[in-house]
Amino acid sequence: MKPSSETTSQDRLREAGIRITGPRLRIYDYLQTHRTHPTCDVIYKDLKSDDGSLSLASVYNVTEKLAEAGLINELISPDGQKHYDGVIDFHGHFFCKECGKIMDVSCCKDFLPDELEGARVDSMSLIMSGICHDCMG
């Protein structure tokens, strides 16, 4: 399900069969507007000041539910940390080994190696790591 500019966060949650609660809506909206691939700890820290009742456990539970529903992507960085991405259109990611930044990378999902001709591919990801242009100086 690809979000359109006409549908609201509440509509997308409903379409995915997720009951709308304050924390779910806030976390989903946060991931739609913060394109920094945050961890649960970062999401919690950023949202805690606006909602004193929000718990870190809630953030973990909500991000897991949103990822299972296909509303957000879960990324595992080279150091093993889980990061979350509100952009669900097909794209790749670049992990900088120096500063830890995660960058979105445009790529074509129509690429299919000859070895997979005739197979059904249900998911595909592109992960790169190295040193970003800012750290290269």
C-alpha atoms as a PDB file:
ATOM      1  CA  MET A   1       0.000   0.000   0.000  1.00  0.00           C
ATOM      2  CA  LYS A   2       1.556   3.263  -1.155  1.00  0.00           C
ATOM      3  CA  PRO A   3       0.427   6.339   0.770  1.00  0.00           C
ATOM      4  CA  SER A   4      -0.960   9.102  -1.395  1.00  0.00           C
ATOM      5  CA  SER A   5      -0.943  12.778  -0.547  1.00  0.00           C
ATOM      6  CA  GLU A   6      -4.760  12.709  -0.262  1.00  0.00           C
ATOM      7  CA  THR A   7      -4.916  10.045   2.432  1.00  0.00           C
ATOM      8  CA  THR A   8      -4.299  10.926   6.040  1.00  0.00           C
ATOM      9  CA  SER A   9      -2.266   8.994   8.566  1.00  0.00           C
ATOM     10  CA  GLN A  10      -5.516   7.917  10.201  1.00  0.00           C
ATOM     11  CA  ASP A  11      -6.803   6.599   6.846  1.00  0.00           C
ATOM     12  CA  ARG A  12      -3.600   4.609   6.285  1.00  0.00           C
ATOM     13  CA  LEU A  13      -3.740   3.085   9.769  1.00  0.00           C
ATOM     14  CA  ARG A  14      -7.407   2.135   9.275  1.00  0.00           C
ATOM     15  CA  GLU A  15      -6.708   0.622   5.832  1.00  0.00           C
ATOM     16  CA  ALA A  16      -3.961  -1.496   7.414  1.00  0.00           C
ATOM     17  CA  GLY A  17      -6.394  -2.732  10.062  1.00  0.00           C
ATOM     18  CA  ILE A  18      -4.616  -0.926  12.892  1.00  0.00           C
ATOM     19  CA  ARG A  19      -6.733   0.591  15.649  1.00  0.00           C
ATOM     20  CA  ILE A  20      -5.995   4.294  15.961  1.00  0.00           C
ATOM     21  CA  THR A  21      -4.500   5.370  19.267  1.00  0.00           C
ATOM     22  CA  GLY A  22      -2.631   8.532  20.205  1.00  0.00           C
ATOM     23  CA  PRO A  23       0.804   6.871  20.378  1.00  0.00           C
ATOM     24  CA  ARG A  24       0.319   4.999  17.083  1.00  0.00           C
ATOM     25  CA  LEU A  25      -0.736   8.145  15.275  1.00  0.00           C
ATOM     26  CA  ARG A  26       2.057  10.280  16.775  1.00  0.00           C
ATOM     27  CA  ILE A  27       4.771   7.728  16.001  1.00  0.00           C
ATOM     28  CA  TYR A  28       3.499   7.132  12.460  1.00  0.00           C
ATOM     29  CA  ASP A  29       3.262  10.889  11.785  1.00  0.00           C
ATOM     30  CA  TYR A  30       6.753  11.352  13.231  1.00  0.00           C
ATOM     31  CA  LEU A  31       8.181   8.745  10.843  1.00  0.00           C
ATOM     32  CA  GLN A  32       6.404  10.371   7.899  1.00  0.00           C
ATOM     33  CA  THR A  33       8.019  13.743   8.639  1.00  0.00           C
ATOM     34  CA  HIS A  34      11.445  12.733  10.031  1.00  0.00           C
ATOM     35  CA  ARG A  35      13.446  11.157   7.227  1.00  0.00           C
ATOM     36  CA  THR A  36      16.455  10.444   9.455  1.00  0.00           C
ATOM     37  CA  HIS A  37      15.915   6.674   9.953  1.00  0.00           C
ATOM     38  CA  PRO A  38      15.605   6.964  13.735  1.00  0.00           C
ATOM     39  CA  THR A  39      15.885   4.171  16.287  1.00  0.00           C
ATOM     40  CA  CYS A  40      13.168   3.611  18.892  1.00  0.00           C
ATOM     41  CA  ASP A  41      15.314   5.438  21.442  1.00  0.00           C
ATOM     42  CA  VAL A  42      15.485   8.522  19.209  1.00  0.00           C
ATOM     43  CA  ILE A  43      11.739   8.430  18.489  1.00  0.00           C
ATOM     44  CA  TYR A  44      11.031   8.125  22.222  1.00  0.00           C
ATOM     45  CA  LYS A  45      13.381  10.987  23.132  1.00  0.00           C
ATOM     46  CA  ASP A  46      11.874  13.266  20.481  1.00  0.00           C
ATOM     47  CA  LEU A  47       8.228  12.512  21.342  1.00  0.00           C
ATOM     48  CA  LYS A  48       8.518  12.194  25.136  1.00  0.00           C
ATOM     49  CA  SER A  49       8.513  15.965  25.709  1.00  0.00           C
ATOM     50  CA  ASP A  50       5.141  16.295  23.924  1.00  0.00           C
ATOM     51  CA  ASP A  51       3.586  13.274  25.638  1.00  0.00           C
ATOM     52  CA  GLY A  52       4.731  12.566  29.182  1.00  0.00           C
ATOM     53  CA  SER A  53       2.725   9.327  29.258  1.00  0.00           C
ATOM     54  CA  LEU A  54       4.576   7.786  26.285  1.00  0.00           C
ATOM     55  CA  SER A  55       6.770   4.838  27.246  1.00  0.00           C
ATOM     56  CA  LEU A  56       9.764   3.371  25.442  1.00  0.00           C
ATOM     57  CA  ALA A  57       7.965   0.006  25.411  1.00  0.00           C
ATOM     58  CA  SER A  58       5.068   1.659  23.544  1.00  0.00           C
ATOM     59  CA  VAL A  59       7.467   2.996  20.912  1.00  0.00           C
ATOM     60  CA  TYR A  60       8.935  -0.492  20.407  1.00  0.00           C
ATOM     61  CA  ASN A  61       5.458  -2.064  20.192  1.00  0.00           C
ATOM     62  CA  VAL A  62       4.089   0.557  17.789  1.00  0.00           C
ATOM     63  CA  THR A  63       7.073   0.474  15.411  1.00  0.00           C
ATOM     64  CA  GLU A  64       6.863  -3.325  15.313  1.00  0.00           C
ATOM     65  CA  LYS A  65       3.132  -3.196  14.512  1.00  0.00           C
ATOM     66  CA  LEU A  66       3.608  -0.521  11.818  1.00  0.00           C
ATOM     67  CA  ALA A  67       6.451  -2.497  10.205  1.00  0.00           C
ATOM     68  CA  GLU A  68       4.416  -5.737  10.244  1.00  0.00           C
ATOM     69  CA  ALA A  69       1.575  -3.864   8.507  1.00  0.00           C
ATOM     70  CA  GLY A  70       3.945  -2.566   5.816  1.00  0.00           C
ATOM     71  CA  LEU A  71       3.399   1.081   6.753  1.00  0.00           C
ATOM     72  CA  ILE A  72       7.061   1.654   7.616  1.00  0.00           C
ATOM     73  CA  ASN A  73      10.319  -0.141   6.833  1.00  0.00           C
ATOM     74  CA  GLU A  74      12.641  -1.603   9.424  1.00  0.00           C
ATOM     75  CA  LEU A  75      16.353  -1.383   8.681  1.00  0.00           C
ATOM     76  CA  ILE A  76      19.160  -3.144  10.498  1.00  0.00           C
ATOM     77  CA  SER A  77      22.358  -1.087  10.480  1.00  0.00           C
ATOM     78  CA  PRO A  78      25.763  -2.745  10.220  1.00  0.00           C
ATOM     79  CA  ASP A  79      26.126  -2.392  14.012  1.00  0.00           C
ATOM     80  CA  GLY A  80      22.879  -4.351  14.507  1.00  0.00           C
ATOM     81  CA  GLN A  81      20.624  -1.455  15.562  1.00  0.00           C
ATOM     82  CA  LYS A  82      17.069  -1.285  14.236  1.00  0.00           C
ATOM     83  CA  HIS A  83      16.149   1.926  12.429  1.00  0.00           C
ATOM     84  CA  TYR A  84      12.774   2.901  11.001  1.00  0.00           C
ATOM     85  CA  ASP A  85      11.891   4.526   7.694  1.00  0.00           C
ATOM     86  CA  GLY A  86       8.530   6.097   6.913  1.00  0.00           C
ATOM     87  CA  VAL A  87       9.243   5.995   3.170  1.00  0.00           C
ATOM     88  CA  ILE A  88       7.859   2.729   1.830  1.00  0.00           C
ATOM     89  CA  ASP A  89       8.479   3.371  -1.876  1.00  0.00           C
ATOM     90  CA  PHE A  90      11.261   1.136  -3.176  1.00  0.00           C
ATOM     91  CA  HIS A  91      14.679   2.630  -2.502  1.00  0.00           C
ATOM     92  CA  GLY A  92      18.041   1.577  -1.142  1.00  0.00           C
ATOM     93  CA  HIS A  93      20.070   2.708   1.842  1.00  0.00           C
ATOM     94  CA  PHE A  94      23.676   3.737   2.377  1.00  0.00           C
ATOM     95  CA  PHE A  95      25.200   3.384   5.856  1.00  0.00           C
ATOM     96  CA  CYS A  96      28.217   5.589   6.606  1.00  0.00           C
ATOM     97  CA  LYS A  97      30.825   3.705   8.660  1.00  0.00           C
ATOM     98  CA  GLU A  98      32.299   6.964   9.993  1.00  0.00           C
ATOM     99  CA  CYS A  99      29.371   9.109  11.152  1.00  0.00           C
ATOM    100  CA  GLY A 100      26.594   6.499  11.240  1.00  0.00           C
ATOM    101  CA  LYS A 101      24.326   8.493   8.930  1.00  0.00           C
ATOM    102  CA  ILE A 102      21.821   6.497   6.880  1.00  0.00           C
ATOM    103  CA  MET A 103      20.963   7.932   3.478  1.00  0.00           C
ATOM    104  CA  ASP A 104      18.189   7.028   1.056  1.00  0.00           C
ATOM    105  CA  VAL A 105      19.452   5.906  -2.361  1.00  0.00           C
ATOM    106  CA  SER A 106      17.356   5.887  -5.532  1.00  0.00           C
ATOM    107  CA  CYS A 107      17.364   2.579  -7.362  1.00  0.00           C
ATOM    108  CA  CYS A 108      15.343   0.621  -9.892  1.00  0.00           C
ATOM    109  CA  LYS A 109      13.270  -2.278  -8.571  1.00  0.00           C
ATOM    110  CA  ASP A 110      12.839  -3.750 -12.046  1.00  0.00           C
ATOM    111  CA  PHE A 111      16.349  -5.247 -11.984  1.00  0.00           C
ATOM    112  CA  LEU A 112      16.172  -9.037 -11.820  1.00  0.00           C
ATOM    113  CA  PRO A 113      19.319 -11.150 -12.226  1.00  0.00           C
ATOM    114  CA  ASP A 114      19.283 -13.866 -14.887  1.00  0.00           C
ATOM    115  CA  GLU A 115      19.603 -16.491 -12.139  1.00  0.00           C
ATOM    116  CA  LEU A 116      16.113 -15.560 -10.914  1.00  0.00           C
ATOM    117  CA  GLU A 117      14.324 -15.589 -14.254  1.00  0.00           C
ATOM    118  CA  GLY A 118      10.978 -17.328 -13.800  1.00  0.00           C
ATOM    119  CA  ALA A 119      11.051 -16.966 -10.003  1.00  0.00           C
ATOM    120  CA  ARG A 120       8.658 -14.881  -7.925  1.00  0.00           C
ATOM    121  CA  VAL A 121      10.502 -12.246  -5.884  1.00  0.00           C
ATOM    122  CA  ASP A 122       8.447 -11.114  -2.886  1.00  0.00           C
ATOM    123  CA  SER A 123      10.906  -8.646  -1.402  1.00  0.00           C
ATOM    124  CA  MET A 124      14.172  -7.020  -2.328  1.00  0.00           C
ATOM    125  CA  SER A 125      16.451  -4.523  -0.624  1.00  0.00           C
ATOM    126  CA  LEU A 126      19.585  -2.634  -1.526  1.00  0.00           C
ATOM    127  CA  ILE A 127      22.020  -1.965   1.331  1.00  0.00           C
ATOM    128  CA  MET A 128      25.372  -0.272   0.848  1.00  0.00           C
ATOM    129  CA  SER A 129      27.972   0.823   3.359  1.00  0.00           C
ATOM    130  CA  GLY A 130      31.096   2.915   3.142  1.00  0.00           C
ATOM    131  CA  ILE A 131      32.166   6.467   3.902  1.00  0.00           C
ATOM    132  CA  CYS A 132      29.731   9.277   2.984  1.00  0.00           C
ATOM    133  CA  HIS A 133      30.789  12.332   1.001  1.00  0.00           C
ATOM    134  CA  ASP A 134      30.677  14.556   4.127  1.00  0.00           C
ATOM    135  CA  CYS A 135      33.124  12.278   5.997  1.00  0.00           C
ATOM    136  CA  MET A 136      35.385  11.959   2.941  1.00  0.00           C
ATOM    137  CA  GLY A 137      35.923  15.684   3.376  1.00  0.00           C
END
